[in-house]
Each structure stands twice: as C-alpha cells, then as structure tokens.
Amino acid sequence: MAVSKASHVDVAKLNIDEVVVQGGNALDCMKPVPSSFEHVRGLVDSVAAVTSNVNFASNNWSPFLQKIKLFIEIVGAIAEVRHRFD
C-alpha cells in the first residue's frame, strides 16, 4: 500500500508541475497583449484631445455662427418680401 500512495503523490506532483509549465507558457503568450492596449490607450488619448479641441472651437465660434445664422435669416426674409413685390 505504501507503493500505491507514493505513486499517487508522484502523479499529483507531475500534474502540478505540468500545470505550472502550462501557466508559464500562457503567461508568456499574454505579454504582447499590453502593447496592444498601449496603442488603444494612445488612440483614446488622441480622440480625447481632438474632442477637447472641437469643444473649444465650437465654444469660440458659436457666437459668430449664431450671428451669421441671424444674418442669413434676415436676408432670406428680405428676399421673400422683395419677391412678393416683383
């Protein structure tokens, strides 16, 4: 019976050793993944910067564009009135 227990212990140790090796191999395979995330993070940072610039531009141009819109509406109304009298 002592032989049987020893062989079970040896098999269990071999299984544990194999799992450790497989885990190490899996970890080695995962190392390139963070570099991919770095590219994605860089892209997200770029998009955030562009969004910030767009918000800044829209805030600065908004009053000017509102005045242009008002001017276009006034000119359109004048054109309608003039067209009625032609």
PDB file of N, CA and C in Angstrom:
ATOM      1  N   MET A   1       0.802  -1.177   0.000  1.00  0.00           N
ATOM      2  CA  MET A   1       0.000   0.000   0.000  1.00  0.00           C
ATOM      3  C   MET A   1       0.855   1.254   0.000  1.00  0.00           C
ATOM      4  N   ALA A   2       2.002   1.191   0.585  1.00  0.00           N
ATOM      5  CA  ALA A   2       2.912   2.325   0.603  1.00  0.00           C
ATOM      6  C   ALA A   2       3.327   2.695  -0.806  1.00  0.00           C
ATOM      7  N   VAL A   3       3.465   1.707  -1.683  1.00  0.00           N
ATOM      8  CA  VAL A   3       3.837   1.960  -3.076  1.00  0.00           C
ATOM      9  C   VAL A   3       2.723   2.724  -3.771  1.00  0.00           C
ATOM     10  N   SER A   4       1.504   2.355  -3.498  1.00  0.00           N
ATOM     11  CA  SER A   4       0.349   2.994  -4.118  1.00  0.00           C
ATOM     12  C   SER A   4       0.273   4.468  -3.738  1.00  0.00           C
ATOM     13  N   LYS A   5       0.467   4.781  -2.454  1.00  0.00           N
ATOM     14  CA  LYS A   5       0.427   6.176  -2.012  1.00  0.00           C
ATOM     15  C   LYS A   5       1.557   6.968  -2.644  1.00  0.00           C
ATOM     16  N   ALA A   6       2.725   6.378  -2.745  1.00  0.00           N
ATOM     17  CA  ALA A   6       3.871   7.057  -3.337  1.00  0.00           C
ATOM     18  C   ALA A   6       3.612   7.357  -4.805  1.00  0.00           C
ATOM     19  N   SER A   7       3.007   6.424  -5.536  1.00  0.00           N
ATOM     20  CA  SER A   7       2.754   6.660  -6.955  1.00  0.00           C
ATOM     21  C   SER A   7       1.696   7.738  -7.141  1.00  0.00           C
ATOM     22  N   HIS A   8       0.675   7.805  -6.257  1.00  0.00           N
ATOM     23  CA  HIS A   8      -0.329   8.859  -6.334  1.00  0.00           C
ATOM     24  C   HIS A   8       0.299  10.230  -6.081  1.00  0.00           C
ATOM     25  N   VAL A   9       1.216  10.281  -5.129  1.00  0.00           N
ATOM     26  CA  VAL A   9       1.901  11.530  -4.816  1.00  0.00           C
ATOM     27  C   VAL A   9       2.756  11.956  -5.990  1.00  0.00           C
ATOM     28  N   ASP A  10       3.460  11.002  -6.607  1.00  0.00           N
ATOM     29  CA  ASP A  10       4.305  11.317  -7.761  1.00  0.00           C
ATOM     30  C   ASP A  10       3.459  11.817  -8.940  1.00  0.00           C
ATOM     31  N   VAL A  11       2.327  11.171  -9.187  1.00  0.00           N
ATOM     32  CA  VAL A  11       1.440  11.579 -10.283  1.00  0.00           C
ATOM     33  C   VAL A  11       0.891  12.973 -10.007  1.00  0.00           C
ATOM     34  N   ALA A  12       0.495  13.220  -8.763  1.00  0.00           N
ATOM     35  CA  ALA A  12      -0.032  14.531  -8.411  1.00  0.00           C
ATOM     36  C   ALA A  12       1.039  15.605  -8.598  1.00  0.00           C
ATOM     37  N   LYS A  13       2.276  15.300  -8.207  1.00  0.00           N
ATOM     38  CA  LYS A  13       3.382  16.263  -8.367  1.00  0.00           C
ATOM     39  C   LYS A  13       3.642  16.527  -9.835  1.00  0.00           C
ATOM     40  N   LEU A  14       3.607  15.472 -10.659  1.00  0.00           N
ATOM     41  CA  LEU A  14       3.806  15.648 -12.096  1.00  0.00           C
ATOM     42  C   LEU A  14       2.682  16.513 -12.687  1.00  0.00           C
ATOM     43  N   ASN A  15       1.459  16.279 -12.238  1.00  0.00           N
ATOM     44  CA  ASN A  15       0.337  17.090 -12.720  1.00  0.00           C
ATOM     45  C   ASN A  15       0.507  18.560 -12.333  1.00  0.00           C
ATOM     46  N   ILE A  16       0.941  18.787 -11.099  1.00  0.00           N
ATOM     47  CA  ILE A  16       1.160  20.153 -10.635  1.00  0.00           C
ATOM     48  C   ILE A  16       2.274  20.810 -11.441  1.00  0.00           C
ATOM     49  N   ASP A  17       3.349  20.061 -11.667  1.00  0.00           N
ATOM     50  CA  ASP A  17       4.461  20.604 -12.454  1.00  0.00           C
ATOM     51  C   ASP A  17       4.006  20.956 -13.869  1.00  0.00           C
ATOM     52  N   GLU A  18       3.180  20.090 -14.451  1.00  0.00           N
ATOM     53  CA  GLU A  18       2.675  20.338 -15.805  1.00  0.00           C
ATOM     54  C   GLU A  18       1.787  21.579 -15.834  1.00  0.00           C
ATOM     55  N   VAL A  19       0.946  21.742 -14.814  1.00  0.00           N
ATOM     56  CA  VAL A  19       0.073  22.915 -14.751  1.00  0.00           C
ATOM     57  C   VAL A  19       0.909  24.180 -14.604  1.00  0.00           C
ATOM     58  N   VAL A  20       1.952  24.134 -13.820  1.00  0.00           N
ATOM     59  CA  VAL A  20       2.818  25.295 -13.644  1.00  0.00           C
ATOM     60  C   VAL A  20       3.484  25.657 -14.974  1.00  0.00           C
ATOM     61  N   VAL A  21       3.957  24.657 -15.704  1.00  0.00           N
ATOM     62  CA  VAL A  21       4.586  24.902 -17.009  1.00  0.00           C
ATOM     63  C   VAL A  21       3.562  25.499 -17.983  1.00  0.00           C
ATOM     64  N   GLN A  22       2.345  24.937 -18.009  1.00  0.00           N
ATOM     65  CA  GLN A  22       1.304  25.459 -18.896  1.00  0.00           C
ATOM     66  C   GLN A  22       0.933  26.901 -18.526  1.00  0.00           C
ATOM     67  N   GLY A  23       0.876  27.159 -17.241  1.00  0.00           N
ATOM     68  CA  GLY A  23       0.573  28.519 -16.797  1.00  0.00           C
ATOM     69  C   GLY A  23       1.660  29.496 -17.212  1.00  0.00           C
ATOM     70  N   GLY A  24       2.930  29.064 -17.090  1.00  0.00           N
ATOM     71  CA  GLY A  24       4.041  29.909 -17.528  1.00  0.00           C
ATOM     72  C   GLY A  24       3.979  30.171 -19.026  1.00  0.00           C
ATOM     73  N   ASN A  25       3.657  29.138 -19.798  1.00  0.00           N
ATOM     74  CA  ASN A  25       3.528  29.308 -21.246  1.00  0.00           C
ATOM     75  C   ASN A  25       2.381  30.264 -21.583  1.00  0.00           C
ATOM     76  N   ALA A  26       1.278  30.131 -20.884  1.00  0.00           N
ATOM     77  CA  ALA A  26       0.140  31.021 -21.116  1.00  0.00           C
ATOM     78  C   ALA A  26       0.508  32.459 -20.771  1.00  0.00           C
ATOM     79  N   LEU A  27       1.253  32.642 -19.702  1.00  0.00           N
ATOM     80  CA  LEU A  27       1.683  33.979 -19.311  1.00  0.00           C
ATOM     81  C   LEU A  27       2.601  34.581 -20.366  1.00  0.00           C
ATOM     82  N   ASP A  28       3.496  33.769 -20.914  1.00  0.00           N
ATOM     83  CA  ASP A  28       4.375  34.249 -21.977  1.00  0.00           C
ATOM     84  C   ASP A  28       3.573  34.678 -23.202  1.00  0.00           C
ATOM     85  N   CYS A  29       2.512  33.966 -23.492  1.00  0.00           N
ATOM     86  CA  CYS A  29       1.662  34.317 -24.634  1.00  0.00           C
ATOM     87  C   CYS A  29       0.901  35.611 -24.391  1.00  0.00           C
ATOM     88  N   MET A  30       0.643  35.951 -23.143  1.00  0.00           N
ATOM     89  CA  MET A  30      -0.127  37.153 -22.827  1.00  0.00           C
ATOM     90  C   MET A  30       0.717  38.413 -22.810  1.00  0.00           C
ATOM     91  N   LYS A  31       2.010  38.318 -22.799  1.00  0.00           N
ATOM     92  CA  LYS A  31       2.851  39.513 -22.705  1.00  0.00           C
ATOM     93  C   LYS A  31       2.653  40.489 -23.857  1.00  0.00           C
ATOM     94  N   PRO A  32       2.431  40.060 -25.113  1.00  0.00           N
ATOM     95  CA  PRO A  32       2.221  41.045 -26.183  1.00  0.00           C
ATOM     96  C   PRO A  32       0.910  41.834 -26.049  1.00  0.00           C
ATOM     97  N   VAL A  33      -0.031  41.329 -25.324  1.00  0.00           N
ATOM     98  CA  VAL A  33      -1.337  41.979 -25.227  1.00  0.00           C
ATOM     99  C   VAL A  33      -1.229  43.399 -24.661  1.00  0.00           C
ATOM    100  N   PRO A  34      -0.467  43.650 -23.588  1.00  0.00           N
ATOM    101  CA  PRO A  34      -0.403  45.014 -23.079  1.00  0.00           C
ATOM    102  C   PRO A  34       0.077  46.023 -24.114  1.00  0.00           C
ATOM    103  N   SER A  35       0.979  45.650 -25.030  1.00  0.00           N
ATOM    104  CA  SER A  35       1.417  46.603 -26.043  1.00  0.00           C
ATOM    105  C   SER A  35       0.260  46.972 -26.950  1.00  0.00           C
ATOM    106  N   SER A  36      -0.641  46.031 -27.206  1.00  0.00           N
ATOM    107  CA  SER A  36      -1.827  46.339 -28.000  1.00  0.00           C
ATOM    108  C   SER A  36      -2.700  47.339 -27.253  1.00  0.00           C
ATOM    109  N   PHE A  37      -2.822  47.157 -25.962  1.00  0.00           N
ATOM    110  CA  PHE A  37      -3.608  48.085 -25.168  1.00  0.00           C
ATOM    111  C   PHE A  37      -2.970  49.468 -25.138  1.00  0.00           C
ATOM    112  N   GLU A  38      -1.645  49.520 -25.211  1.00  0.00           N
ATOM    113  CA  GLU A  38      -0.966  50.810 -25.247  1.00  0.00           C
ATOM    114  C   GLU A  38      -1.375  51.579 -26.501  1.00  0.00           C
ATOM    115  N   HIS A  39      -1.483  50.878 -27.644  1.00  0.00           N
ATOM    116  CA  HIS A  39      -1.914  51.527 -28.879  1.00  0.00           C
ATOM    117  C   HIS A  39      -3.343  52.030 -28.735  1.00  0.00           C
ATOM    118  N   VAL A  40      -4.204  51.217 -28.140  1.00  0.00           N
ATOM    119  CA  VAL A  40      -5.596  51.616 -27.950  1.00  0.00           C
ATOM    120  C   VAL A  40      -5.667  52.804 -26.999  1.00  0.00           C
ATOM    121  N   ARG A  41      -4.887  52.751 -25.937  1.00  0.00           N
ATOM    122  CA  ARG A  41      -4.899  53.861 -24.985  1.00  0.00           C
ATOM    123  C   ARG A  41      -4.397  55.137 -25.654  1.00  0.00           C
ATOM    124  N   GLY A  42      -3.371  55.011 -26.502  1.00  0.00           N
ATOM    125  CA  GLY A  42      -2.888  56.177 -27.244  1.00  0.00           C
ATOM    126  C   GLY A  42      -3.945  56.735 -28.171  1.00  0.00           C
ATOM    127  N   LEU A  43      -4.691  55.841 -28.806  1.00  0.00           N
ATOM    128  CA  LEU A  43      -5.770  56.271 -29.690  1.00  0.00           C
ATOM    129  C   LEU A  43      -6.863  56.988 -28.902  1.00  0.00           C
ATOM    130  N   VAL A  44      -7.228  56.441 -27.768  1.00  0.00           N
ATOM    131  CA  VAL A  44      -8.254  57.066 -26.922  1.00  0.00           C
ATOM    132  C   VAL A  44      -7.781  58.435 -26.450  1.00  0.00           C
ATOM    133  N   ASP A  45      -6.508  58.545 -26.079  1.00  0.00           N
ATOM    134  CA  ASP A  45      -5.979  59.845 -25.661  1.00  0.00           C
ATOM    135  C   ASP A  45      -6.043  60.851 -26.806  1.00  0.00           C
ATOM    136  N   SER A  46      -5.746  60.383 -28.026  1.00  0.00           N
ATOM    137  CA  SER A  46      -5.806  61.265 -29.199  1.00  0.00           C
ATOM    138  C   SER A  46      -7.235  61.725 -29.452  1.00  0.00           C
ATOM    139  N   VAL A  47      -8.170  60.801 -29.357  1.00  0.00           N
ATOM    140  CA  VAL A  47      -9.582  61.154 -29.560  1.00  0.00           C
ATOM    141  C   VAL A  47     -10.029  62.143 -28.493  1.00  0.00           C
ATOM    142  N   ALA A  48      -9.588  61.944 -27.271  1.00  0.00           N
ATOM    143  CA  ALA A  48      -9.956  62.869 -26.194  1.00  0.00           C
ATOM    144  C   ALA A  48      -9.401  64.268 -26.475  1.00  0.00           C
ATOM    145  N   ALA A  49      -8.176  64.337 -26.989  1.00  0.00           N
ATOM    146  CA  ALA A  49      -7.592  65.638 -27.313  1.00  0.00           C
ATOM    147  C   ALA A  49      -8.353  66.306 -28.445  1.00  0.00           C
ATOM    148  N   VAL A  50      -8.715  65.546 -29.465  1.00  0.00           N
ATOM    149  CA  VAL A  50      -9.488  66.102 -30.591  1.00  0.00           C
ATOM    150  C   VAL A  50     -10.845  66.585 -30.103  1.00  0.00           C
ATOM    151  N   THR A  51     -11.496  65.802 -29.277  1.00  0.00           N
ATOM    152  CA  THR A  51     -12.804  66.198 -28.736  1.00  0.00           C
ATOM    153  C   THR A  51     -12.683  67.491 -27.941  1.00  0.00           C
ATOM    154  N   SER A  52     -11.631  67.591 -27.161  1.00  0.00           N
ATOM    155  CA  SER A  52     -11.414  68.810 -26.384  1.00  0.00           C
ATOM    156  C   SER A  52     -11.225  70.007 -27.307  1.00  0.00           C
ATOM    157  N   ASN A  53     -10.457  69.819 -28.383  1.00  0.00           N
ATOM    158  CA  ASN A  53     -10.236  70.910 -29.335  1.00  0.00           C
ATOM    159  C   ASN A  53     -11.522  71.286 -30.058  1.00  0.00           C
ATOM    160  N   VAL A  54     -12.338  70.297 -30.399  1.00  0.00           N
ATOM    161  CA  VAL A  54     -13.609  70.579 -31.066  1.00  0.00           C
ATOM    162  C   VAL A  54     -14.527  71.351 -30.132  1.00  0.00           C
ATOM    163  N   ASN A  55     -14.588  70.947 -28.875  1.00  0.00           N
ATOM    164  CA  ASN A  55     -15.414  71.677 -27.901  1.00  0.00           C
ATOM    165  C   ASN A  55     -14.922  73.119 -27.753  1.00  0.00           C
ATOM    166  N   PHE A  56     -13.607  73.294 -27.706  1.00  0.00           N
ATOM    167  CA  PHE A  56     -13.024  74.626 -27.585  1.00  0.00           C
ATOM    168  C   PHE A  56     -13.387  75.474 -28.807  1.00  0.00           C
ATOM    169  N   ALA A  57     -13.262  74.891 -30.000  1.00  0.00           N
ATOM    170  CA  ALA A  57     -13.576  75.616 -31.236  1.00  0.00           C
ATOM    171  C   ALA A  57     -15.062  75.948 -31.305  1.00  0.00           C
ATOM    172  N   SER A  58     -15.903  74.997 -30.933  1.00  0.00           N
ATOM    173  CA  SER A  58     -17.347  75.263 -31.004  1.00  0.00           C
ATOM    174  C   SER A  58     -17.746  76.341 -30.007  1.00  0.00           C
ATOM    175  N   ASN A  59     -17.133  76.350 -28.848  1.00  0.00           N
ATOM    176  CA  ASN A  59     -17.439  77.396 -27.862  1.00  0.00           C
ATOM    177  C   ASN A  59     -16.997  78.767 -28.362  1.00  0.00           C
ATOM    178  N   ASN A  60     -15.858  78.826 -29.060  1.00  0.00           N
ATOM    179  CA  ASN A  60     -15.360  80.102 -29.567  1.00  0.00           C
ATOM    180  C   ASN A  60     -16.106  80.569 -30.810  1.00  0.00           C
ATOM    181  N   TRP A  61     -16.493  79.656 -31.678  1.00  0.00           N
ATOM    182  CA  TRP A  61     -17.147  80.013 -32.928  1.00  0.00           C
ATOM    183  C   TRP A  61     -18.656  80.153 -32.783  1.00  0.00           C
ATOM    184  N   SER A  62     -19.234  79.640 -31.735  1.00  0.00           N
ATOM    185  CA  SER A  62     -20.684  79.636 -31.581  1.00  0.00           C
ATOM    186  C   SER A  62     -21.308  81.031 -31.690  1.00  0.00           C
ATOM    187  N   PRO A  63     -20.812  82.049 -30.993  1.00  0.00           N
ATOM    188  CA  PRO A  63     -21.432  83.383 -31.119  1.00  0.00           C
ATOM    189  C   PRO A  63     -21.358  83.920 -32.556  1.00  0.00           C
ATOM    190  N   PHE A  64     -20.232  83.733 -33.209  1.00  0.00           N
ATOM    191  CA  PHE A  64     -20.072  84.192 -34.587  1.00  0.00           C
ATOM    192  C   PHE A  64     -21.036  83.467 -35.524  1.00  0.00           C
ATOM    193  N   LEU A  65     -21.131  82.155 -35.364  1.00  0.00           N
ATOM    194  CA  LEU A  65     -22.026  81.382 -36.224  1.00  0.00           C
ATOM    195  C   LEU A  65     -23.485  81.739 -35.977  1.00  0.00           C
ATOM    196  N   GLN A  66     -23.849  82.073 -34.753  1.00  0.00           N
ATOM    197  CA  GLN A  66     -25.223  82.499 -34.461  1.00  0.00           C
ATOM    198  C   GLN A  66     -25.533  83.815 -35.172  1.00  0.00           C
ATOM    199  N   LYS A  67     -24.556  84.726 -35.217  1.00  0.00           N
ATOM    200  CA  LYS A  67     -24.755  85.999 -35.916  1.00  0.00           C
ATOM    201  C   LYS A  67     -24.899  85.768 -37.419  1.00  0.00           C
ATOM    202  N   ILE A  68     -24.123  84.859 -37.963  1.00  0.00           N
ATOM    203  CA  ILE A  68     -24.240  84.540 -39.387  1.00  0.00           C
ATOM    204  C   ILE A  68     -25.606  83.924 -39.675  1.00  0.00           C
ATOM    205  N   LYS A  69     -26.062  83.048 -38.804  1.00  0.00           N
ATOM    206  CA  LYS A  69     -27.382  82.441 -38.984  1.00  0.00           C
ATOM    207  C   LYS A  69     -28.470  83.521 -38.971  1.00  0.00           C
ATOM    208  N   LEU A  70     -28.379  84.451 -38.043  1.00  0.00           N
ATOM    209  CA  LEU A  70     -29.346  85.545 -37.965  1.00  0.00           C
ATOM    210  C   LEU A  70     -29.298  86.395 -39.237  1.00  0.00           C
ATOM    211  N   PHE A  71     -28.105  86.692 -39.718  1.00  0.00           N
ATOM    212  CA  PHE A  71     -27.940  87.461 -40.952  1.00  0.00           C
ATOM    213  C   PHE A  71     -28.584  86.740 -42.129  1.00  0.00           C
ATOM    214  N   ILE A  72     -28.366  85.437 -42.230  1.00  0.00           N
ATOM    215  CA  ILE A  72     -28.952  84.649 -43.323  1.00  0.00           C
ATOM    216  C   ILE A  72     -30.480  84.667 -43.230  1.00  0.00           C
ATOM    217  N   GLU A  73     -31.021  84.572 -42.025  1.00  0.00           N
ATOM    218  CA  GLU A  73     -32.475  84.625 -41.854  1.00  0.00           C
ATOM    219  C   GLU A  73     -33.034  85.987 -42.267  1.00  0.00           C
ATOM    220  N   ILE A  74     -32.327  87.059 -41.904  1.00  0.00           N
ATOM    221  CA  ILE A  74     -32.777  88.405 -42.273  1.00  0.00           C
ATOM    222  C   ILE A  74     -32.732  88.573 -43.795  1.00  0.00           C
ATOM    223  N   VAL A  75     -31.641  88.154 -44.417  1.00  0.00           N
ATOM    224  CA  VAL A  75     -31.521  88.261 -45.864  1.00  0.00           C
ATOM    225  C   VAL A  75     -32.594  87.420 -46.549  1.00  0.00           C
ATOM    226  N   GLY A  76     -32.883  86.247 -46.014  1.00  0.00           N
ATOM    227  CA  GLY A  76     -33.937  85.402 -46.574  1.00  0.00           C
ATOM    228  C   GLY A  76     -35.294  86.070 -46.473  1.00  0.00           C
ATOM    229  N   ALA A  77     -35.582  86.719 -45.349  1.00  0.00           N
ATOM    230  CA  ALA A  77     -36.859  87.423 -45.178  1.00  0.00           C
ATOM    231  C   ALA A  77     -36.956  88.600 -46.139  1.00  0.00           C
ATOM    232  N   ILE A  78     -35.864  89.346 -46.323  1.00  0.00           N
ATOM    233  CA  ILE A  78     -35.848  90.458 -47.273  1.00  0.00           C
ATOM    234  C   ILE A  78     -36.095  89.950 -48.691  1.00  0.00           C
ATOM    235  N   ALA A  79     -35.476  88.834 -49.032  1.00  0.00           N
ATOM    236  CA  ALA A  79     -35.661  88.259 -50.367  1.00  0.00           C
ATOM    237  C   ALA A  79     -37.122  87.852 -50.574  1.00  0.00           C
ATOM    238  N   GLU A  80     -37.766  87.309 -49.565  1.00  0.00           N
ATOM    239  CA  GLU A  80     -39.176  86.928 -49.693  1.00  0.00           C
ATOM    240  C   GLU A  80     -40.052  88.162 -49.906  1.00  0.00           C
ATOM    241  N   VAL A  81     -39.806  89.217 -49.127  1.00  0.00           N
ATOM    242  CA  VAL A  81     -40.586  90.444 -49.257  1.00  0.00           C
ATOM    243  C   VAL A  81     -40.375  91.044 -50.644  1.00  0.00           C
ATOM    244  N   ARG A  82     -39.151  91.101 -51.078  1.00  0.00           N
ATOM    245  CA  ARG A  82     -38.836  91.666 -52.396  1.00  0.00           C
ATOM    246  C   ARG A  82     -39.497  90.837 -53.492  1.00  0.00           C
ATOM    247  N   HIS A  83     -39.491  89.505 -53.335  1.00  0.00           N
ATOM    248  CA  HIS A  83     -40.077  88.614 -54.340  1.00  0.00           C
ATOM    249  C   HIS A  83     -41.583  88.849 -54.449  1.00  0.00           C
ATOM    250  N   ARG A  84     -42.252  89.173 -53.345  1.00  0.00           N
ATOM    251  CA  ARG A  84     -43.706  89.410 -53.351  1.00  0.00           C
ATOM    252  C   ARG A  84     -44.054  90.687 -54.111  1.00  0.00           C
ATOM    253  N   PHE A  85     -43.156  91.670 -54.063  1.00  0.00           N
ATOM    254  CA  PHE A  85     -43.438  92.944 -54.728  1.00  0.00           C
ATOM    255  C   PHE A  85     -42.976  92.970 -56.175  1.00  0.00           C
ATOM    256  N   ASP A  86     -42.273  91.944 -56.626  1.00  0.00           N
ATOM    257  CA  ASP A  86     -41.826  91.880 -58.030  1.00  0.00           C
ATOM    258  C   ASP A  86     -42.886  91.389 -58.932  1.00  0.00           C
TER     259      ASP A  86
END
